[in-house]
C-alpha cells in the first residue's frame, strides 16, 4: 500500500506541476506590447506626401549654361549630390573655388549646406566626361546626412507598412557616411528589439 500511496502522491504532484505550467503559458494582459524593461520606439513617421514622393534632387536655381564658369557648374552638381544624400526637400546651397580648371588630377574642396547643416566635399577630377572636352569627377563628402522625410520615403517606398516607428530621428542630422547610425526604425512594430539601424549614403538613406 505504501507503494500505491507513493504513486498516487507522485501523480497528484505531477498534476499540480502541470497545472502551474499551464497557468504560466496563458497570455498575459500585456500580450502584444513591449515586455517589461523593453524599450518602445516613440516616434511614428508619417507616410510621405505625394509632393515628397515626386520630389527630385534638383537645386532651386537654374542649371548653369554649358559655357558657364567651371566653378558654377561644379557647385550646381555638388548641390544636387547634397540633396540626393538628404533624399528630401530642403533649402540648400553650394560653392566651389572660383579658380577651378576641371583638369585631370585637379583636386578642390567645395562647401554645401542643407537646412543649415554644412557638408564639405572633396572633388577629384579625372577621366573623360559625358560631353566632348569635359572631365569627369569624384566627390566625397566629409559627413553623411539623414532626414526624417528621407527615411520615411525609403521605408514606405520599399514596403507597404501600416506604420513606421523610430527612435526620434530629427528633421536632419549629421551622421557618419556608410556606417550604421544610432537611429533605428521598425515596420509595423513598436518594440526596439525589432528595429533596424538606418545609415546615410551619398545616394540617400539605407536600412
C-alpha atoms as a PDB file:
ATOM      1  CA  UNK A   1       0.000   0.000   0.000  1.00  0.00           C
ATOM      2  CA  UNK A   2       2.888   2.335   0.650  1.00  0.00           C
ATOM      3  CA  UNK A   3       3.951   1.851  -2.937  1.00  0.00           C
ATOM      4  CA  UNK A   4       0.486   2.653  -4.181  1.00  0.00           C
ATOM      5  CA  UNK A   5       0.253   5.734  -1.974  1.00  0.00           C
ATOM      6  CA  UNK A   6       3.628   6.861  -3.247  1.00  0.00           C
ATOM      7  CA  UNK A   7       2.407   6.544  -6.818  1.00  0.00           C
ATOM      8  CA  UNK A   8      -0.762   8.468  -6.001  1.00  0.00           C
ATOM      9  CA  UNK A   9       1.225  11.241  -4.360  1.00  0.00           C
ATOM     10  CA  UNK A  10       3.522  11.425  -7.362  1.00  0.00           C
ATOM     11  CA  UNK A  11       0.556  11.626  -9.701  1.00  0.00           C
ATOM     12  CA  UNK A  12      -1.071  14.379  -7.648  1.00  0.00           C
ATOM     13  CA  UNK A  13       2.143  16.367  -7.509  1.00  0.00           C
ATOM     14  CA  UNK A  14       2.642  15.873 -11.220  1.00  0.00           C
ATOM     15  CA  UNK A  15      -0.836  17.188 -11.924  1.00  0.00           C
ATOM     16  CA  UNK A  16      -0.164  20.201  -9.739  1.00  0.00           C
ATOM     17  CA  UNK A  17       3.072  20.919 -11.569  1.00  0.00           C
ATOM     18  CA  UNK A  18       1.354  20.591 -14.917  1.00  0.00           C
ATOM     19  CA  UNK A  19      -1.295  22.987 -13.725  1.00  0.00           C
ATOM     20  CA  UNK A  20       1.342  25.541 -12.754  1.00  0.00           C
ATOM     21  CA  UNK A  21       2.994  25.184 -16.122  1.00  0.00           C
ATOM     22  CA  UNK A  22      -0.296  25.725 -17.952  1.00  0.00           C
ATOM     23  CA  UNK A  23      -1.022  28.882 -15.975  1.00  0.00           C
ATOM     24  CA  UNK A  24       2.378  30.343 -16.865  1.00  0.00           C
ATOM     25  CA  UNK A  25       1.740  29.816 -20.566  1.00  0.00           C
ATOM     26  CA  UNK A  26      -1.513  31.757 -20.566  1.00  0.00           C
ATOM     27  CA  UNK A  27      -1.291  35.058 -22.494  1.00  0.00           C
ATOM     28  CA  UNK A  28      -0.648  37.989 -20.225  1.00  0.00           C
ATOM     29  CA  UNK A  29      -2.793  41.097 -20.211  1.00  0.00           C
ATOM     30  CA  UNK A  30       0.076  42.948 -21.903  1.00  0.00           C
ATOM     31  CA  UNK A  31       0.336  40.479 -24.800  1.00  0.00           C
ATOM     32  CA  UNK A  32       1.301  42.318 -27.982  1.00  0.00           C
ATOM     33  CA  UNK A  33       3.005  45.112 -26.064  1.00  0.00           C
ATOM     34  CA  UNK A  34       6.650  45.521 -25.180  1.00  0.00           C
ATOM     35  CA  UNK A  35       7.737  43.332 -22.265  1.00  0.00           C
ATOM     36  CA  UNK A  36       8.716  44.953 -19.006  1.00  0.00           C
ATOM     37  CA  UNK A  37      12.079  46.669 -19.482  1.00  0.00           C
ATOM     38  CA  UNK A  38      11.813  46.520 -23.277  1.00  0.00           C
ATOM     39  CA  UNK A  39      12.153  49.926 -24.883  1.00  0.00           C
ATOM     40  CA  UNK A  40       9.406  51.152 -27.171  1.00  0.00           C
ATOM     41  CA  UNK A  41      10.180  53.205 -30.257  1.00  0.00           C
ATOM     42  CA  UNK A  42       8.500  56.563 -29.540  1.00  0.00           C
ATOM     43  CA  UNK A  43       8.352  58.156 -32.988  1.00  0.00           C
ATOM     44  CA  UNK A  44       5.791  57.328 -35.657  1.00  0.00           C
ATOM     45  CA  UNK A  45       6.935  58.505 -39.092  1.00  0.00           C
ATOM     46  CA  UNK A  46       4.203  59.841 -41.346  1.00  0.00           C
ATOM     47  CA  UNK A  47       3.980  58.429 -44.844  1.00  0.00           C
ATOM     48  CA  UNK A  48       5.485  60.799 -47.441  1.00  0.00           C
ATOM     49  CA  UNK A  49       3.094  63.144 -49.180  1.00  0.00           C
ATOM     50  CA  UNK A  50       2.588  62.972 -52.962  1.00  0.00           C
ATOM     51  CA  UNK A  51       4.775  66.075 -53.324  1.00  0.00           C
ATOM     52  CA  UNK A  52       7.552  64.464 -51.285  1.00  0.00           C
ATOM     53  CA  UNK A  53       7.305  61.302 -53.356  1.00  0.00           C
ATOM     54  CA  UNK A  54       7.532  63.243 -56.625  1.00  0.00           C
ATOM     55  CA  UNK A  55      10.412  65.428 -55.415  1.00  0.00           C
ATOM     56  CA  UNK A  56      13.697  65.264 -57.315  1.00  0.00           C
ATOM     57  CA  UNK A  57      17.162  66.126 -56.031  1.00  0.00           C
ATOM     58  CA  UNK A  58      17.425  69.294 -58.074  1.00  0.00           C
ATOM     59  CA  UNK A  59      18.610  72.735 -56.874  1.00  0.00           C
ATOM     60  CA  UNK A  60      16.110  75.569 -56.875  1.00  0.00           C
ATOM     61  CA  UNK A  61      18.454  77.677 -59.013  1.00  0.00           C
ATOM     62  CA  UNK A  62      18.623  77.139 -62.756  1.00  0.00           C
ATOM     63  CA  UNK A  63      21.298  74.828 -64.118  1.00  0.00           C
ATOM     64  CA  UNK A  64      24.287  76.835 -65.432  1.00  0.00           C
ATOM     65  CA  UNK A  65      24.779  77.080 -69.185  1.00  0.00           C
ATOM     66  CA  UNK A  66      27.390  74.872 -70.818  1.00  0.00           C
ATOM     67  CA  UNK A  67      29.713  77.874 -71.228  1.00  0.00           C
ATOM     68  CA  UNK A  68      29.324  78.994 -67.588  1.00  0.00           C
ATOM     69  CA  UNK A  69      32.462  79.028 -65.386  1.00  0.00           C
ATOM     70  CA  UNK A  70      33.585  75.589 -64.215  1.00  0.00           C
ATOM     71  CA  UNK A  71      33.146  76.638 -60.583  1.00  0.00           C
ATOM     72  CA  UNK A  72      29.459  77.413 -61.145  1.00  0.00           C
ATOM     73  CA  UNK A  73      28.846  74.146 -62.981  1.00  0.00           C
ATOM     74  CA  UNK A  74      30.635  72.154 -60.296  1.00  0.00           C
ATOM     75  CA  UNK A  75      28.749  73.922 -57.481  1.00  0.00           C
ATOM     76  CA  UNK A  76      25.455  73.005 -59.136  1.00  0.00           C
ATOM     77  CA  UNK A  77      26.472  69.331 -59.274  1.00  0.00           C
ATOM     78  CA  UNK A  78      27.617  69.362 -55.648  1.00  0.00           C
ATOM     79  CA  UNK A  79      24.314  70.865 -54.551  1.00  0.00           C
ATOM     80  CA  UNK A  80      22.495  68.095 -56.425  1.00  0.00           C
ATOM     81  CA  UNK A  81      24.600  65.487 -54.661  1.00  0.00           C
ATOM     82  CA  UNK A  82      23.874  67.038 -51.286  1.00  0.00           C
ATOM     83  CA  UNK A  83      20.128  66.975 -51.952  1.00  0.00           C
ATOM     84  CA  UNK A  84      20.375  63.360 -53.141  1.00  0.00           C
ATOM     85  CA  UNK A  85      22.085  62.414 -49.890  1.00  0.00           C
ATOM     86  CA  UNK A  86      19.335  64.120 -47.847  1.00  0.00           C
ATOM     87  CA  UNK A  87      16.686  62.445 -50.033  1.00  0.00           C
ATOM     88  CA  UNK A  88      14.164  65.117 -49.069  1.00  0.00           C
ATOM     89  CA  UNK A  89      13.133  68.677 -49.973  1.00  0.00           C
ATOM     90  CA  UNK A  90      15.120  71.351 -48.162  1.00  0.00           C
ATOM     91  CA  UNK A  91      16.975  74.627 -48.529  1.00  0.00           C
ATOM     92  CA  UNK A  92      20.427  74.009 -49.989  1.00  0.00           C
ATOM     93  CA  UNK A  93      23.477  75.888 -51.251  1.00  0.00           C
ATOM     94  CA  UNK A  94      26.897  75.022 -52.665  1.00  0.00           C
ATOM     95  CA  UNK A  95      30.051  76.951 -53.517  1.00  0.00           C
ATOM     96  CA  UNK A  96      33.322  75.908 -55.146  1.00  0.00           C
ATOM     97  CA  UNK A  97      36.634  77.734 -55.686  1.00  0.00           C
ATOM     98  CA  UNK A  98      36.452  80.314 -58.453  1.00  0.00           C
ATOM     99  CA  UNK A  99      39.719  79.111 -59.991  1.00  0.00           C
ATOM    100  CA  UNK A 100      38.539  75.563 -60.768  1.00  0.00           C
ATOM    101  CA  UNK A 101      40.065  74.397 -64.046  1.00  0.00           C
ATOM    102  CA  UNK A 102      38.377  70.977 -64.165  1.00  0.00           C
ATOM    103  CA  UNK A 103      41.599  69.332 -65.353  1.00  0.00           C
ATOM    104  CA  UNK A 104      42.603  65.709 -64.829  1.00  0.00           C
ATOM    105  CA  UNK A 105      44.307  65.254 -61.472  1.00  0.00           C
ATOM    106  CA  UNK A 106      42.991  68.509 -60.032  1.00  0.00           C
ATOM    107  CA  UNK A 107      41.564  68.354 -56.512  1.00  0.00           C
ATOM    108  CA  UNK A 108      39.385  71.036 -54.947  1.00  0.00           C
ATOM    109  CA  UNK A 109      37.120  71.448 -51.937  1.00  0.00           C
ATOM    110  CA  UNK A 110      33.506  72.574 -52.241  1.00  0.00           C
ATOM    111  CA  UNK A 111      31.153  73.522 -49.421  1.00  0.00           C
ATOM    112  CA  UNK A 112      27.448  72.762 -49.374  1.00  0.00           C
ATOM    113  CA  UNK A 113      24.673  73.306 -46.855  1.00  0.00           C
ATOM    114  CA  UNK A 114      21.354  71.568 -46.365  1.00  0.00           C
ATOM    115  CA  UNK A 115      18.889  73.150 -43.937  1.00  0.00           C
ATOM    116  CA  UNK A 116      21.819  74.870 -42.244  1.00  0.00           C
ATOM    117  CA  UNK A 117      23.980  71.714 -41.930  1.00  0.00           C
ATOM    118  CA  UNK A 118      27.390  72.098 -43.560  1.00  0.00           C
ATOM    119  CA  UNK A 119      28.902  69.389 -45.774  1.00  0.00           C
ATOM    120  CA  UNK A 120      32.419  69.616 -47.203  1.00  0.00           C
ATOM    121  CA  UNK A 121      33.012  67.759 -50.467  1.00  0.00           C
ATOM    122  CA  UNK A 122      36.468  66.751 -51.725  1.00  0.00           C
ATOM    123  CA  UNK A 123      36.363  66.744 -55.521  1.00  0.00           C
ATOM    124  CA  UNK A 124      38.936  64.978 -57.694  1.00  0.00           C
ATOM    125  CA  UNK A 125      38.902  65.357 -61.459  1.00  0.00           C
ATOM    126  CA  UNK A 126      39.957  62.542 -63.737  1.00  0.00           C
ATOM    127  CA  UNK A 127      38.770  60.777 -66.889  1.00  0.00           C
ATOM    128  CA  UNK A 128      36.543  61.859 -69.720  1.00  0.00           C
ATOM    129  CA  UNK A 129      33.158  63.356 -69.012  1.00  0.00           C
ATOM    130  CA  UNK A 130      29.920  62.619 -70.793  1.00  0.00           C
ATOM    131  CA  UNK A 131      30.375  65.605 -73.136  1.00  0.00           C
ATOM    132  CA  UNK A 132      33.255  66.081 -75.615  1.00  0.00           C
ATOM    133  CA  UNK A 133      36.063  68.004 -73.962  1.00  0.00           C
ATOM    134  CA  UNK A 134      34.607  67.663 -70.467  1.00  0.00           C
ATOM    135  CA  UNK A 135      36.167  65.952 -67.460  1.00  0.00           C
ATOM    136  CA  UNK A 136      34.538  63.613 -65.005  1.00  0.00           C
ATOM    137  CA  UNK A 137      34.992  63.922 -61.251  1.00  0.00           C
ATOM    138  CA  UNK A 138      34.522  62.081 -57.988  1.00  0.00           C
ATOM    139  CA  UNK A 139      33.107  63.890 -54.952  1.00  0.00           C
ATOM    140  CA  UNK A 140      33.372  62.554 -51.395  1.00  0.00           C
ATOM    141  CA  UNK A 141      31.508  64.247 -48.504  1.00  0.00           C
ATOM    142  CA  UNK A 142      33.061  64.612 -45.059  1.00  0.00           C
ATOM    143  CA  UNK A 143      29.787  63.618 -43.394  1.00  0.00           C
ATOM    144  CA  UNK A 144      26.533  61.886 -44.109  1.00  0.00           C
ATOM    145  CA  UNK A 145      23.056  63.369 -43.714  1.00  0.00           C
ATOM    146  CA  UNK A 146      19.917  61.644 -42.508  1.00  0.00           C
ATOM    147  CA  UNK A 147      16.497  63.260 -42.726  1.00  0.00           C
ATOM    148  CA  UNK A 148      13.203  62.171 -41.218  1.00  0.00           C
ATOM    149  CA  UNK A 149      11.397  62.592 -44.523  1.00  0.00           C
ATOM    150  CA  UNK A 150      14.151  60.760 -46.385  1.00  0.00           C
ATOM    151  CA  UNK A 151      13.892  57.737 -44.091  1.00  0.00           C
ATOM    152  CA  UNK A 152      10.102  57.771 -44.390  1.00  0.00           C
ATOM    153  CA  UNK A 153      10.379  57.826 -48.187  1.00  0.00           C
ATOM    154  CA  UNK A 154      12.798  54.905 -48.077  1.00  0.00           C
ATOM    155  CA  UNK A 155      10.742  52.654 -45.798  1.00  0.00           C
ATOM    156  CA  UNK A 156       7.281  53.495 -47.115  1.00  0.00           C
ATOM    157  CA  UNK A 157       8.639  53.254 -50.654  1.00  0.00           C
ATOM    158  CA  UNK A 158      10.296  49.854 -50.246  1.00  0.00           C
ATOM    159  CA  UNK A 159       7.491  48.319 -48.166  1.00  0.00           C
ATOM    160  CA  UNK A 160       3.781  48.806 -47.561  1.00  0.00           C
ATOM    161  CA  UNK A 161       3.693  49.183 -43.774  1.00  0.00           C
ATOM    162  CA  UNK A 162       0.756  50.245 -41.669  1.00  0.00           C
ATOM    163  CA  UNK A 163       3.175  52.452 -39.776  1.00  0.00           C
ATOM    164  CA  UNK A 164       6.889  53.046 -39.233  1.00  0.00           C
ATOM    165  CA  UNK A 165       8.227  53.561 -35.703  1.00  0.00           C
ATOM    166  CA  UNK A 166      11.671  55.049 -34.996  1.00  0.00           C
ATOM    167  CA  UNK A 167      13.744  56.381 -32.115  1.00  0.00           C
ATOM    168  CA  UNK A 168      13.341  60.108 -32.676  1.00  0.00           C
ATOM    169  CA  UNK A 169      15.073  60.838 -35.961  1.00  0.00           C
ATOM    170  CA  UNK A 170      15.399  64.650 -36.242  1.00  0.00           C
ATOM    171  CA  UNK A 171      14.374  66.603 -39.325  1.00  0.00           C
ATOM    172  CA  UNK A 172      18.032  66.497 -40.408  1.00  0.00           C
ATOM    173  CA  UNK A 173      21.087  65.072 -38.669  1.00  0.00           C
ATOM    174  CA  UNK A 174      24.771  64.683 -39.458  1.00  0.00           C
ATOM    175  CA  UNK A 175      25.898  61.069 -39.211  1.00  0.00           C
ATOM    176  CA  UNK A 176      28.885  59.037 -40.350  1.00  0.00           C
ATOM    177  CA  UNK A 177      28.670  58.154 -44.035  1.00  0.00           C
ATOM    178  CA  UNK A 178      28.036  54.486 -44.898  1.00  0.00           C
ATOM    179  CA  UNK A 179      28.030  53.497 -41.219  1.00  0.00           C
ATOM    180  CA  UNK A 180      25.158  52.292 -39.004  1.00  0.00           C
ATOM    181  CA  UNK A 181      23.766  55.298 -37.171  1.00  0.00           C
ATOM    182  CA  UNK A 182      22.182  55.481 -33.736  1.00  0.00           C
ATOM    183  CA  UNK A 183      18.798  55.939 -35.404  1.00  0.00           C
ATOM    184  CA  UNK A 184      16.654  52.829 -35.767  1.00  0.00           C
ATOM    185  CA  UNK A 185      13.252  52.029 -37.204  1.00  0.00           C
ATOM    186  CA  UNK A 186      10.835  49.125 -37.223  1.00  0.00           C
ATOM    187  CA  UNK A 187       7.991  48.419 -39.610  1.00  0.00           C
ATOM    188  CA  UNK A 188       4.608  47.660 -38.010  1.00  0.00           C
ATOM    189  CA  UNK A 189       6.373  47.136 -34.648  1.00  0.00           C
ATOM    190  CA  UNK A 190       6.952  49.462 -31.710  1.00  0.00           C
ATOM    191  CA  UNK A 191       9.443  47.322 -29.775  1.00  0.00           C
ATOM    192  CA  UNK A 192      13.092  48.271 -30.151  1.00  0.00           C
ATOM    193  CA  UNK A 193      14.023  44.584 -30.444  1.00  0.00           C
ATOM    194  CA  UNK A 194      12.602  44.620 -33.975  1.00  0.00           C
ATOM    195  CA  UNK A 195      14.332  47.838 -35.022  1.00  0.00           C
ATOM    196  CA  UNK A 196      16.980  48.034 -37.707  1.00  0.00           C
ATOM    197  CA  UNK A 197      19.588  50.774 -37.955  1.00  0.00           C
ATOM    198  CA  UNK A 198      19.392  53.290 -40.781  1.00  0.00           C
ATOM    199  CA  UNK A 199      22.516  54.742 -42.401  1.00  0.00           C
ATOM    200  CA  UNK A 200      23.421  57.550 -44.748  1.00  0.00           C
ATOM    201  CA  UNK A 201      24.927  57.059 -48.197  1.00  0.00           C
ATOM    202  CA  UNK A 202      25.725  59.663 -50.832  1.00  0.00           C
ATOM    203  CA  UNK A 203      22.656  58.413 -52.702  1.00  0.00           C
ATOM    204  CA  UNK A 204      20.249  58.646 -49.774  1.00  0.00           C
ATOM    205  CA  UNK A 205      19.359  56.645 -46.641  1.00  0.00           C
ATOM    206  CA  UNK A 206      19.566  52.855 -46.479  1.00  0.00           C
ATOM    207  CA  UNK A 207      18.345  50.375 -43.900  1.00  0.00           C
END
